[in-house]
């Protein structure tokens, strides 16, 4: 039987978290800007998201990326989650660069770099691919502005008295000190982190809905648990991002790290431009730093983060949905 739909992808992982970049099989996307195409895709092609990201072809942690043209940048892109859509995704931005490199679409100049501007729904991002010996060695991106919207927000769901900061780094985060939450930042601590992270997310969003969190006017996407350390190698932030009760970011999280930088700079714990190591539970690192933007006295202060990591290609795929598939758009058990 002839297939109803065939979609091809390049898959990669960035510090353990997957990105599935769609390379063919989509109709032309309608809209003048990337944000308009992002909205049109959600209304007209959501079955593509579930087909590629849900079981049996994907899983709850799978992230998709759609590359499109842009009138203001070299490329446009938006990001698909298993439950939702993302206006920005740091690990997937690094994955896009690695995929473009794999396709031969990045040409390093004589200084060992290739750079491009990327329009995403959250804004404009500058991406730089670095090469050593002709091989891709690192990818960095200058993210959209990050800032802290609310500090020391009391949490009732923690085992003892505790608070969170609410910050933006392309997506919204509640930043919670891991020890205060009783969370262990290693693979054995994931189950508990998922449970308490989901409760924190629900509590914070419910309070935002009632206007009880001054400065916060948008739902948080995730909860970032962190542990800080400063040693001879500089400042390190070990962290785990919980997106839902059954979903966590395997990478250190690019947008979450951007939000964390705003928190650290606002608290005076690091200096502007000082690099930190953002470390996931698998001991894989991003290098990150941020500088204040010229804000003309705006409050809260905005910062421009730069995040560096590396993605690795894991596969080239053709996904087929046949006419007689009993679960044509996939399934996801929560």
C-alpha atoms as a PDB file:
ATOM      1  CA  UNK A   1       0.000   0.000   0.000  1.00  0.00           C
ATOM      2  CA  UNK A   2       1.332   3.432  -0.897  1.00  0.00           C
ATOM      3  CA  UNK A   3       2.341   5.489   2.139  1.00  0.00           C
ATOM      4  CA  UNK A   4       0.134   8.395   3.067  1.00  0.00           C
ATOM      5  CA  UNK A   5       3.007  10.547   4.285  1.00  0.00           C
ATOM      6  CA  UNK A   6       6.803  10.277   4.283  1.00  0.00           C
ATOM      7  CA  UNK A   7       8.954  12.619   6.362  1.00  0.00           C
ATOM      8  CA  UNK A   8      12.738  12.618   6.494  1.00  0.00           C
ATOM      9  CA  UNK A   9      14.825  13.899   9.382  1.00  0.00           C
ATOM     10  CA  UNK A  10      18.356  14.308  10.662  1.00  0.00           C
ATOM     11  CA  UNK A  11      18.593  13.331  14.320  1.00  0.00           C
ATOM     12  CA  UNK A  12      21.236  14.576  16.732  1.00  0.00           C
ATOM     13  CA  UNK A  13      21.813  14.789  20.440  1.00  0.00           C
ATOM     14  CA  UNK A  14      23.203  17.739  22.364  1.00  0.00           C
ATOM     15  CA  UNK A  15      24.734  16.613  25.660  1.00  0.00           C
ATOM     16  CA  UNK A  16      22.278  13.720  25.642  1.00  0.00           C
ATOM     17  CA  UNK A  17      19.069  15.474  24.571  1.00  0.00           C
ATOM     18  CA  UNK A  18      17.675  14.696  21.097  1.00  0.00           C
ATOM     19  CA  UNK A  19      16.777  17.007  18.226  1.00  0.00           C
ATOM     20  CA  UNK A  20      14.863  15.753  15.194  1.00  0.00           C
ATOM     21  CA  UNK A  21      15.273  18.242  12.320  1.00  0.00           C
ATOM     22  CA  UNK A  22      12.707  17.768   9.542  1.00  0.00           C
ATOM     23  CA  UNK A  23      14.432  17.820   6.143  1.00  0.00           C
ATOM     24  CA  UNK A  24      11.561  16.934   3.761  1.00  0.00           C
ATOM     25  CA  UNK A  25       7.890  16.046   3.624  1.00  0.00           C
ATOM     26  CA  UNK A  26       6.323  19.314   4.761  1.00  0.00           C
ATOM     27  CA  UNK A  27       4.090  21.488   2.578  1.00  0.00           C
ATOM     28  CA  UNK A  28       5.009  25.189   2.164  1.00  0.00           C
ATOM     29  CA  UNK A  29       4.528  27.013   5.453  1.00  0.00           C
ATOM     30  CA  UNK A  30       2.311  30.076   5.316  1.00  0.00           C
ATOM     31  CA  UNK A  31       3.222  33.357   6.974  1.00  0.00           C
ATOM     32  CA  UNK A  32       5.452  36.378   6.516  1.00  0.00           C
ATOM     33  CA  UNK A  33       7.540  35.909   9.655  1.00  0.00           C
ATOM     34  CA  UNK A  34       8.797  32.822  11.452  1.00  0.00           C
ATOM     35  CA  UNK A  35       6.337  33.586  14.261  1.00  0.00           C
ATOM     36  CA  UNK A  36       3.442  33.532  11.755  1.00  0.00           C
ATOM     37  CA  UNK A  37       4.648  30.235  10.254  1.00  0.00           C
ATOM     38  CA  UNK A  38       4.993  28.874  13.785  1.00  0.00           C
ATOM     39  CA  UNK A  39       1.354  29.761  14.476  1.00  0.00           C
ATOM     40  CA  UNK A  40       0.188  28.355  11.118  1.00  0.00           C
ATOM     41  CA  UNK A  41       2.012  25.050  11.720  1.00  0.00           C
ATOM     42  CA  UNK A  42       0.308  24.649  15.098  1.00  0.00           C
ATOM     43  CA  UNK A  43      -3.129  25.141  13.561  1.00  0.00           C
ATOM     44  CA  UNK A  44      -2.618  23.052  10.412  1.00  0.00           C
ATOM     45  CA  UNK A  45       0.203  20.534  10.870  1.00  0.00           C
ATOM     46  CA  UNK A  46       0.081  19.467  14.504  1.00  0.00           C
ATOM     47  CA  UNK A  47      -0.308  15.855  13.354  1.00  0.00           C
ATOM     48  CA  UNK A  48       3.272  16.063  12.025  1.00  0.00           C
ATOM     49  CA  UNK A  49       4.481  16.973  15.520  1.00  0.00           C
ATOM     50  CA  UNK A  50       2.731  14.003  17.122  1.00  0.00           C
ATOM     51  CA  UNK A  51       3.690  11.636  14.298  1.00  0.00           C
ATOM     52  CA  UNK A  52       7.418  12.363  14.717  1.00  0.00           C
ATOM     53  CA  UNK A  53       7.680  12.979  18.448  1.00  0.00           C
ATOM     54  CA  UNK A  54       5.195  10.581  20.008  1.00  0.00           C
ATOM     55  CA  UNK A  55       5.492   6.821  20.236  1.00  0.00           C
ATOM     56  CA  UNK A  56       6.086   4.574  18.356  1.00  0.00           C
ATOM     57  CA  UNK A  57       8.467   6.838  16.369  1.00  0.00           C
ATOM     58  CA  UNK A  58       9.485   9.102  19.238  1.00  0.00           C
ATOM     59  CA  UNK A  59       9.115   9.477  23.001  1.00  0.00           C
ATOM     60  CA  UNK A  60       8.137  12.083  25.572  1.00  0.00           C
ATOM     61  CA  UNK A  61      11.546  13.783  25.600  1.00  0.00           C
ATOM     62  CA  UNK A  62      11.916  14.059  21.807  1.00  0.00           C
ATOM     63  CA  UNK A  63      12.244  17.593  20.414  1.00  0.00           C
ATOM     64  CA  UNK A  64      11.631  18.509  16.801  1.00  0.00           C
ATOM     65  CA  UNK A  65      12.898  21.435  14.746  1.00  0.00           C
ATOM     66  CA  UNK A  66      11.468  22.989  11.597  1.00  0.00           C
ATOM     67  CA  UNK A  67      13.873  24.980   9.450  1.00  0.00           C
ATOM     68  CA  UNK A  68      12.341  27.593   7.187  1.00  0.00           C
ATOM     69  CA  UNK A  69      13.250  30.739   5.294  1.00  0.00           C
ATOM     70  CA  UNK A  70      13.441  34.166   6.920  1.00  0.00           C
ATOM     71  CA  UNK A  71      13.218  37.725   5.656  1.00  0.00           C
ATOM     72  CA  UNK A  72      15.469  39.059   8.427  1.00  0.00           C
ATOM     73  CA  UNK A  73      18.001  36.255   9.002  1.00  0.00           C
ATOM     74  CA  UNK A  74      19.932  33.573   7.142  1.00  0.00           C
ATOM     75  CA  UNK A  75      17.507  30.915   8.394  1.00  0.00           C
ATOM     76  CA  UNK A  76      14.323  30.672  10.386  1.00  0.00           C
ATOM     77  CA  UNK A  77      13.418  27.890  12.816  1.00  0.00           C
ATOM     78  CA  UNK A  78      10.880  26.892  15.397  1.00  0.00           C
ATOM     79  CA  UNK A  79      10.728  24.009  17.808  1.00  0.00           C
ATOM     80  CA  UNK A  80       8.295  21.198  18.555  1.00  0.00           C
ATOM     81  CA  UNK A  81       7.883  19.514  21.929  1.00  0.00           C
ATOM     82  CA  UNK A  82       6.089  16.294  22.701  1.00  0.00           C
ATOM     83  CA  UNK A  83       3.403  18.273  24.586  1.00  0.00           C
ATOM     84  CA  UNK A  84       3.775  21.779  23.215  1.00  0.00           C
ATOM     85  CA  UNK A  85       5.619  24.242  20.986  1.00  0.00           C
ATOM     86  CA  UNK A  86       8.714  26.181  21.995  1.00  0.00           C
ATOM     87  CA  UNK A  87       9.536  29.762  20.931  1.00  0.00           C
ATOM     88  CA  UNK A  88      13.225  29.004  21.525  1.00  0.00           C
ATOM     89  CA  UNK A  89      15.305  25.917  22.313  1.00  0.00           C
ATOM     90  CA  UNK A  90      19.031  26.110  23.015  1.00  0.00           C
ATOM     91  CA  UNK A  91      20.051  22.465  22.693  1.00  0.00           C
ATOM     92  CA  UNK A  92      18.062  22.209  19.432  1.00  0.00           C
ATOM     93  CA  UNK A  93      19.738  25.356  18.068  1.00  0.00           C
ATOM     94  CA  UNK A  94      23.074  23.620  18.583  1.00  0.00           C
ATOM     95  CA  UNK A  95      21.553  20.518  16.952  1.00  0.00           C
ATOM     96  CA  UNK A  96      20.436  22.558  13.924  1.00  0.00           C
ATOM     97  CA  UNK A  97      23.987  23.850  13.445  1.00  0.00           C
ATOM     98  CA  UNK A  98      25.394  20.312  13.618  1.00  0.00           C
ATOM     99  CA  UNK A  99      22.778  19.124  11.115  1.00  0.00           C
ATOM    100  CA  UNK A 100      23.495  21.969   8.692  1.00  0.00           C
ATOM    101  CA  UNK A 101      27.162  21.101   8.982  1.00  0.00           C
ATOM    102  CA  UNK A 102      26.387  17.430   8.246  1.00  0.00           C
ATOM    103  CA  UNK A 103      24.466  18.484   5.123  1.00  0.00           C
ATOM    104  CA  UNK A 104      27.405  20.574   3.928  1.00  0.00           C
ATOM    105  CA  UNK A 105      25.496  23.830   4.319  1.00  0.00           C
ATOM    106  CA  UNK A 106      27.999  25.476   6.666  1.00  0.00           C
ATOM    107  CA  UNK A 107      31.243  26.549   5.077  1.00  0.00           C
ATOM    108  CA  UNK A 108      33.931  27.537   7.595  1.00  0.00           C
ATOM    109  CA  UNK A 109      36.019  30.539   6.609  1.00  0.00           C
ATOM    110  CA  UNK A 110      39.784  30.691   6.990  1.00  0.00           C
ATOM    111  CA  UNK A 111      39.559  31.428  10.735  1.00  0.00           C
ATOM    112  CA  UNK A 112      37.812  28.144  11.429  1.00  0.00           C
ATOM    113  CA  UNK A 113      34.310  29.488  11.970  1.00  0.00           C
ATOM    114  CA  UNK A 114      30.970  29.593  10.205  1.00  0.00           C
ATOM    115  CA  UNK A 115      28.219  31.865  11.484  1.00  0.00           C
ATOM    116  CA  UNK A 116      24.591  32.518  10.662  1.00  0.00           C
ATOM    117  CA  UNK A 117      21.656  34.473  12.016  1.00  0.00           C
ATOM    118  CA  UNK A 118      18.598  32.472  13.060  1.00  0.00           C
ATOM    119  CA  UNK A 119      15.107  33.923  13.389  1.00  0.00           C
ATOM    120  CA  UNK A 120      13.045  32.061  15.990  1.00  0.00           C
ATOM    121  CA  UNK A 121       9.639  33.020  17.417  1.00  0.00           C
ATOM    122  CA  UNK A 122      11.390  34.480  20.483  1.00  0.00           C
ATOM    123  CA  UNK A 123      13.623  36.771  18.401  1.00  0.00           C
ATOM    124  CA  UNK A 124      16.966  36.772  16.583  1.00  0.00           C
ATOM    125  CA  UNK A 125      19.812  34.460  17.585  1.00  0.00           C
ATOM    126  CA  UNK A 126      23.404  34.521  16.296  1.00  0.00           C
ATOM    127  CA  UNK A 127      24.907  31.034  15.863  1.00  0.00           C
ATOM    128  CA  UNK A 128      28.626  30.323  15.422  1.00  0.00           C
ATOM    129  CA  UNK A 129      30.105  26.949  14.481  1.00  0.00           C
ATOM    130  CA  UNK A 130      33.754  26.430  15.398  1.00  0.00           C
ATOM    131  CA  UNK A 131      36.069  23.978  13.647  1.00  0.00           C
ATOM    132  CA  UNK A 132      39.349  22.311  14.542  1.00  0.00           C
ATOM    133  CA  UNK A 133      41.188  20.237  11.987  1.00  0.00           C
ATOM    134  CA  UNK A 134      38.257  20.580   9.611  1.00  0.00           C
ATOM    135  CA  UNK A 135      35.805  19.021  12.103  1.00  0.00           C
ATOM    136  CA  UNK A 136      33.028  20.734  14.015  1.00  0.00           C
ATOM    137  CA  UNK A 137      34.332  21.226  17.556  1.00  0.00           C
ATOM    138  CA  UNK A 138      31.799  23.546  19.226  1.00  0.00           C
ATOM    139  CA  UNK A 139      28.665  25.564  18.538  1.00  0.00           C
ATOM    140  CA  UNK A 140      27.787  28.749  20.369  1.00  0.00           C
ATOM    141  CA  UNK A 141      24.779  31.016  20.134  1.00  0.00           C
ATOM    142  CA  UNK A 142      24.008  34.511  21.361  1.00  0.00           C
ATOM    143  CA  UNK A 143      20.534  34.048  22.758  1.00  0.00           C
ATOM    144  CA  UNK A 144      17.609  36.423  23.113  1.00  0.00           C
ATOM    145  CA  UNK A 145      17.688  38.667  26.169  1.00  0.00           C
ATOM    146  CA  UNK A 146      17.262  36.978  29.553  1.00  0.00           C
ATOM    147  CA  UNK A 147      16.024  38.484  32.807  1.00  0.00           C
ATOM    148  CA  UNK A 148      14.613  37.726  36.237  1.00  0.00           C
ATOM    149  CA  UNK A 149      10.933  38.642  36.542  1.00  0.00           C
ATOM    150  CA  UNK A 150      10.369  37.706  40.199  1.00  0.00           C
ATOM    151  CA  UNK A 151      12.659  36.769  43.089  1.00  0.00           C
ATOM    152  CA  UNK A 152      12.207  34.773  46.299  1.00  0.00           C
ATOM    153  CA  UNK A 153       8.732  33.507  45.422  1.00  0.00           C
ATOM    154  CA  UNK A 154       7.584  31.323  48.331  1.00  0.00           C
ATOM    155  CA  UNK A 155       6.858  27.671  47.541  1.00  0.00           C
ATOM    156  CA  UNK A 156       4.536  25.496  49.595  1.00  0.00           C
ATOM    157  CA  UNK A 157       5.370  22.264  47.742  1.00  0.00           C
ATOM    158  CA  UNK A 158       8.958  22.016  48.997  1.00  0.00           C
ATOM    159  CA  UNK A 159       9.665  19.668  51.926  1.00  0.00           C
ATOM    160  CA  UNK A 160      10.718  22.681  54.023  1.00  0.00           C
ATOM    161  CA  UNK A 161      10.587  26.467  53.699  1.00  0.00           C
ATOM    162  CA  UNK A 162      11.861  27.460  50.269  1.00  0.00           C
ATOM    163  CA  UNK A 163      11.581  29.856  47.386  1.00  0.00           C
ATOM    164  CA  UNK A 164      12.154  30.111  43.655  1.00  0.00           C
ATOM    165  CA  UNK A 165      13.159  32.824  41.215  1.00  0.00           C
ATOM    166  CA  UNK A 166      11.195  33.178  37.988  1.00  0.00           C
ATOM    167  CA  UNK A 167      13.348  34.029  34.989  1.00  0.00           C
ATOM    168  CA  UNK A 168      13.198  34.154  31.195  1.00  0.00           C
ATOM    169  CA  UNK A 169      15.859  32.845  28.819  1.00  0.00           C
ATOM    170  CA  UNK A 170      13.796  32.267  25.657  1.00  0.00           C
ATOM    171  CA  UNK A 171      11.406  30.153  27.728  1.00  0.00           C
ATOM    172  CA  UNK A 172      10.167  30.712  31.307  1.00  0.00           C
ATOM    173  CA  UNK A 173      11.665  28.927  34.319  1.00  0.00           C
ATOM    174  CA  UNK A 174      11.236  28.584  38.040  1.00  0.00           C
ATOM    175  CA  UNK A 175      14.783  28.338  39.432  1.00  0.00           C
ATOM    176  CA  UNK A 176      14.957  26.238  42.590  1.00  0.00           C
ATOM    177  CA  UNK A 177      17.962  25.338  44.739  1.00  0.00           C
ATOM    178  CA  UNK A 178      18.224  21.543  44.546  1.00  0.00           C
ATOM    179  CA  UNK A 179      19.146  20.884  48.178  1.00  0.00           C
ATOM    180  CA  UNK A 180      16.182  22.917  49.424  1.00  0.00           C
ATOM    181  CA  UNK A 181      13.923  20.741  47.261  1.00  0.00           C
ATOM    182  CA  UNK A 182      15.559  17.514  48.383  1.00  0.00           C
ATOM    183  CA  UNK A 183      16.641  16.821  44.802  1.00  0.00           C
ATOM    184  CA  UNK A 184      19.821  14.907  43.975  1.00  0.00           C
ATOM    185  CA  UNK A 185      21.409  16.107  40.727  1.00  0.00           C
ATOM    186  CA  UNK A 186      22.457  12.739  39.370  1.00  0.00           C
ATOM    187  CA  UNK A 187      20.661  10.020  37.381  1.00  0.00           C
ATOM    188  CA  UNK A 188      19.365   8.346  40.543  1.00  0.00           C
ATOM    189  CA  UNK A 189      17.579  11.554  41.542  1.00  0.00           C
ATOM    190  CA  UNK A 190      15.537  11.980  38.374  1.00  0.00           C
ATOM    191  CA  UNK A 191      12.375  10.233  39.591  1.00  0.00           C
ATOM    192  CA  UNK A 192      12.046  12.446  42.665  1.00  0.00           C
ATOM    193  CA  UNK A 193      12.979  15.555  40.655  1.00  0.00           C
ATOM    194  CA  UNK A 194      10.200  14.816  38.160  1.00  0.00           C
ATOM    195  CA  UNK A 195       7.650  14.379  40.924  1.00  0.00           C
ATOM    196  CA  UNK A 196       8.465  17.522  42.886  1.00  0.00           C
ATOM    197  CA  UNK A 197       9.253  19.565  39.765  1.00  0.00           C
ATOM    198  CA  UNK A 198       5.800  18.882  38.346  1.00  0.00           C
ATOM    199  CA  UNK A 199       4.234  19.968  41.654  1.00  0.00           C
ATOM    200  CA  UNK A 200       6.289  23.176  41.721  1.00  0.00           C
ATOM    201  CA  UNK A 201       5.342  23.967  38.136  1.00  0.00           C
ATOM    202  CA  UNK A 202       1.649  23.507  38.886  1.00  0.00           C
ATOM    203  CA  UNK A 203       1.865  25.627  42.048  1.00  0.00           C
ATOM    204  CA  UNK A 204       3.740  28.490  40.391  1.00  0.00           C
ATOM    205  CA  UNK A 205       1.456  28.595  37.357  1.00  0.00           C
ATOM    206  CA  UNK A 206      -1.646  28.542  39.558  1.00  0.00           C
ATOM    207  CA  UNK A 207      -0.296  31.484  41.537  1.00  0.00           C
ATOM    208  CA  UNK A 208       0.592  33.374  38.362  1.00  0.00           C
ATOM    209  CA  UNK A 209      -2.991  32.863  37.167  1.00  0.00           C
ATOM    210  CA  UNK A 210      -4.294  34.608  40.283  1.00  0.00           C
ATOM    211  CA  UNK A 211      -1.837  37.496  39.979  1.00  0.00           C
ATOM    212  CA  UNK A 212      -0.086  36.477  43.196  1.00  0.00           C
ATOM    213  CA  UNK A 213       3.428  36.705  41.688  1.00  0.00           C
ATOM    214  CA  UNK A 214       4.220  40.373  40.932  1.00  0.00           C
ATOM    215  CA  UNK A 215       6.366  40.710  37.829  1.00  0.00           C
ATOM    216  CA  UNK A 216       5.444  37.306  36.390  1.00  0.00           C
ATOM    217  CA  UNK A 217       2.847  37.546  33.630  1.00  0.00           C
ATOM    218  CA  UNK A 218       3.461  34.310  31.750  1.00  0.00           C
ATOM    219  CA  UNK A 219       3.291  30.634  32.710  1.00  0.00           C
ATOM    220  CA  UNK A 220       6.607  28.932  33.385  1.00  0.00           C
ATOM    221  CA  UNK A 221       7.558  26.151  30.969  1.00  0.00           C
ATOM    222  CA  UNK A 222       9.895  24.252  33.301  1.00  0.00           C
ATOM    223  CA  UNK A 223      11.551  24.024  36.691  1.00  0.00           C
ATOM    224  CA  UNK A 224      15.342  24.230  36.858  1.00  0.00           C
ATOM    225  CA  UNK A 225      16.968  22.671  39.915  1.00  0.00           C
ATOM    226  CA  UNK A 226      20.505  23.936  40.512  1.00  0.00           C
ATOM    227  CA  UNK A 227      23.524  23.504  42.738  1.00  0.00           C
ATOM    228  CA  UNK A 228      26.322  26.096  42.740  1.00  0.00           C
ATOM    229  CA  UNK A 229      30.024  25.579  43.214  1.00  0.00           C
ATOM    230  CA  UNK A 230      33.109  27.738  42.745  1.00  0.00           C
ATOM    231  CA  UNK A 231      36.558  26.146  42.584  1.00  0.00           C
ATOM    232  CA  UNK A 232      39.896  26.602  40.806  1.00  0.00           C
ATOM    233  CA  UNK A 233      38.141  26.038  37.475  1.00  0.00           C
ATOM    234  CA  UNK A 234      35.662  28.857  38.120  1.00  0.00           C
ATOM    235  CA  UNK A 235      31.928  28.891  38.734  1.00  0.00           C
ATOM    236  CA  UNK A 236      29.921  25.737  38.054  1.00  0.00           C
ATOM    237  CA  UNK A 237      26.153  25.339  38.022  1.00  0.00           C
ATOM    238  CA  UNK A 238      25.012  21.729  38.149  1.00  0.00           C
ATOM    239  CA  UNK A 239      21.416  21.615  37.005  1.00  0.00           C
ATOM    240  CA  UNK A 240      18.440  19.527  35.980  1.00  0.00           C
ATOM    241  CA  UNK A 241      15.420  20.901  34.120  1.00  0.00           C
ATOM    242  CA  UNK A 242      12.019  19.266  34.681  1.00  0.00           C
ATOM    243  CA  UNK A 243       9.524  19.969  31.906  1.00  0.00           C
ATOM    244  CA  UNK A 244       6.656  17.703  33.022  1.00  0.00           C
ATOM    245  CA  UNK A 245       5.966  14.800  35.366  1.00  0.00           C
ATOM    246  CA  UNK A 246       7.509  12.368  32.858  1.00  0.00           C
ATOM    247  CA  UNK A 247       9.924  14.621  30.967  1.00  0.00           C
ATOM    248  CA  UNK A 248      13.268  16.229  31.787  1.00  0.00           C
ATOM    249  CA  UNK A 249      16.004  17.889  29.764  1.00  0.00           C
ATOM    250  CA  UNK A 250      19.000  15.617  29.391  1.00  0.00           C
ATOM    251  CA  UNK A 251      21.229  18.540  28.379  1.00  0.00           C
ATOM    252  CA  UNK A 252      22.205  21.395  30.727  1.00  0.00           C
ATOM    253  CA  UNK A 253      19.470  23.332  28.826  1.00  0.00           C
ATOM    254  CA  UNK A 254      20.376  26.386  26.769  1.00  0.00           C
ATOM    255  CA  UNK A 255      17.396  28.601  27.571  1.00  0.00           C
ATOM    256  CA  UNK A 256      17.413  27.424  31.181  1.00  0.00           C
ATOM    257  CA  UNK A 257      21.099  28.277  31.476  1.00  0.00           C
ATOM    258  CA  UNK A 258      20.309  31.704  30.009  1.00  0.00           C
ATOM    259  CA  UNK A 259      17.718  32.249  32.743  1.00  0.00           C
ATOM    260  CA  UNK A 260      20.209  31.001  35.332  1.00  0.00           C
ATOM    261  CA  UNK A 261      22.826  33.502  34.120  1.00  0.00           C
ATOM    262  CA  UNK A 262      20.359  36.346  34.650  1.00  0.00           C
ATOM    263  CA  UNK A 263      19.750  35.078  38.183  1.00  0.00           C
ATOM    264  CA  UNK A 264      23.470  34.796  38.964  1.00  0.00           C
ATOM    265  CA  UNK A 265      24.334  38.214  37.542  1.00  0.00           C
ATOM    266  CA  UNK A 266      21.419  39.893  39.266  1.00  0.00           C
ATOM    267  CA  UNK A 267      22.524  38.406  42.594  1.00  0.00           C
ATOM    268  CA  UNK A 268      26.143  39.459  42.046  1.00  0.00           C
ATOM    269  CA  UNK A 269      27.386  35.870  42.200  1.00  0.00           C
ATOM    270  CA  UNK A 270      29.270  36.161  38.900  1.00  0.00           C
ATOM    271  CA  UNK A 271      30.701  39.083  36.949  1.00  0.00           C
ATOM    272  CA  UNK A 272      29.461  40.249  33.532  1.00  0.00           C
ATOM    273  CA  UNK A 273      31.196  38.170  30.857  1.00  0.00           C
ATOM    274  CA  UNK A 274      32.494  35.630  33.373  1.00  0.00           C
ATOM    275  CA  UNK A 275      32.217  32.106  31.946  1.00  0.00           C
ATOM    276  CA  UNK A 276      30.445  29.445  33.954  1.00  0.00           C
ATOM    277  CA  UNK A 277      30.164  25.704  33.445  1.00  0.00           C
ATOM    278  CA  UNK A 278      26.571  24.502  33.217  1.00  0.00           C
ATOM    279  CA  UNK A 279      26.703  20.755  33.937  1.00  0.00           C
ATOM    280  CA  UNK A 280      23.964  18.189  33.410  1.00  0.00           C
ATOM    281  CA  UNK A 281      23.397  15.007  35.427  1.00  0.00           C
ATOM    282  CA  UNK A 282      25.502  13.107  32.850  1.00  0.00           C
ATOM    283  CA  UNK A 283      28.513  15.365  33.577  1.00  0.00           C
ATOM    284  CA  UNK A 284      28.415  16.962  30.124  1.00  0.00           C
ATOM    285  CA  UNK A 285      28.976  20.713  30.112  1.00  0.00           C
ATOM    286  CA  UNK A 286      27.897  23.868  28.347  1.00  0.00           C
ATOM    287  CA  UNK A 287      30.105  26.941  28.694  1.00  0.00           C
ATOM    288  CA  UNK A 288      28.036  30.067  29.249  1.00  0.00           C
ATOM    289  CA  UNK A 289      28.356  33.764  29.977  1.00  0.00           C
ATOM    290  CA  UNK A 290      26.237  36.895  29.741  1.00  0.00           C
ATOM    291  CA  UNK A 291      26.615  40.664  29.668  1.00  0.00           C
ATOM    292  CA  UNK A 292      24.093  43.383  30.531  1.00  0.00           C
ATOM    293  CA  UNK A 293      22.300  45.015  27.634  1.00  0.00           C
ATOM    294  CA  UNK A 294      21.893  48.769  27.350  1.00  0.00           C
ATOM    295  CA  UNK A 295      18.506  49.121  29.044  1.00  0.00           C
ATOM    296  CA  UNK A 296      18.213  52.870  29.672  1.00  0.00           C
ATOM    297  CA  UNK A 297      17.278  52.176  33.263  1.00  0.00           C
ATOM    298  CA  UNK A 298      14.778  49.446  32.433  1.00  0.00           C
ATOM    299  CA  UNK A 299      13.824  47.113  35.239  1.00  0.00           C
ATOM    300  CA  UNK A 300      14.341  44.186  35.284  1.00  0.00           C
ATOM    301  CA  UNK A 301      17.814  44.330  33.766  1.00  0.00           C
ATOM    302  CA  UNK A 302      18.183  42.361  30.537  1.00  0.00           C
ATOM    303  CA  UNK A 303      21.260  40.276  29.786  1.00  0.00           C
ATOM    304  CA  UNK A 304      22.609  38.822  26.537  1.00  0.00           C
ATOM    305  CA  UNK A 305      23.628  35.187  27.135  1.00  0.00           C
ATOM    306  CA  UNK A 306      26.115  33.212  25.064  1.00  0.00           C
ATOM    307  CA  UNK A 307      25.904  29.427  25.321  1.00  0.00           C
ATOM    308  CA  UNK A 308      28.430  26.966  23.875  1.00  0.00           C
ATOM    309  CA  UNK A 309      28.123  23.198  23.472  1.00  0.00           C
ATOM    310  CA  UNK A 310      28.260  20.499  20.825  1.00  0.00           C
ATOM    311  CA  UNK A 311      25.771  18.187  19.124  1.00  0.00           C
ATOM    312  CA  UNK A 312      26.428  14.830  17.480  1.00  0.00           C
ATOM    313  CA  UNK A 313      24.537  13.309  14.574  1.00  0.00           C
ATOM    314  CA  UNK A 314      22.766  10.091  15.595  1.00  0.00           C
ATOM    315  CA  UNK A 315      20.850   9.101  12.480  1.00  0.00           C
ATOM    316  CA  UNK A 316      19.199   9.861   9.148  1.00  0.00           C
ATOM    317  CA  UNK A 317      15.585   8.719   9.031  1.00  0.00           C
ATOM    318  CA  UNK A 318      12.592   8.293   6.757  1.00  0.00           C
ATOM    319  CA  UNK A 319       9.382   8.064   8.747  1.00  0.00           C
ATOM    320  CA  UNK A 320       6.289   6.598   7.105  1.00  0.00           C
ATOM    321  CA  UNK A 321       2.628   6.861   8.039  1.00  0.00           C
ATOM    322  CA  UNK A 322       0.632   4.337   6.030  1.00  0.00           C
ATOM    323  CA  UNK A 323      -3.065   4.561   5.217  1.00  0.00           C
ATOM    324  CA  UNK A 324      -3.939   1.559   7.370  1.00  0.00           C
ATOM    325  CA  UNK A 325      -1.960   2.558  10.495  1.00  0.00           C
ATOM    326  CA  UNK A 326      -4.338   2.065  13.459  1.00  0.00           C
ATOM    327  CA  UNK A 327      -2.544   4.821  15.420  1.00  0.00           C
ATOM    328  CA  UNK A 328      -1.816   7.256  12.573  1.00  0.00           C
ATOM    329  CA  UNK A 329      -0.614  10.200  14.661  1.00  0.00           C
ATOM    330  CA  UNK A 330       1.200   8.284  17.389  1.00  0.00           C
ATOM    331  CA  UNK A 331       0.438   8.140  21.097  1.00  0.00           C
ATOM    332  CA  UNK A 332       1.923   9.399  24.336  1.00  0.00           C
ATOM    333  CA  UNK A 333       1.109   7.908  27.719  1.00  0.00           C
ATOM    334  CA  UNK A 334       1.633  10.397  30.500  1.00  0.00           C
END
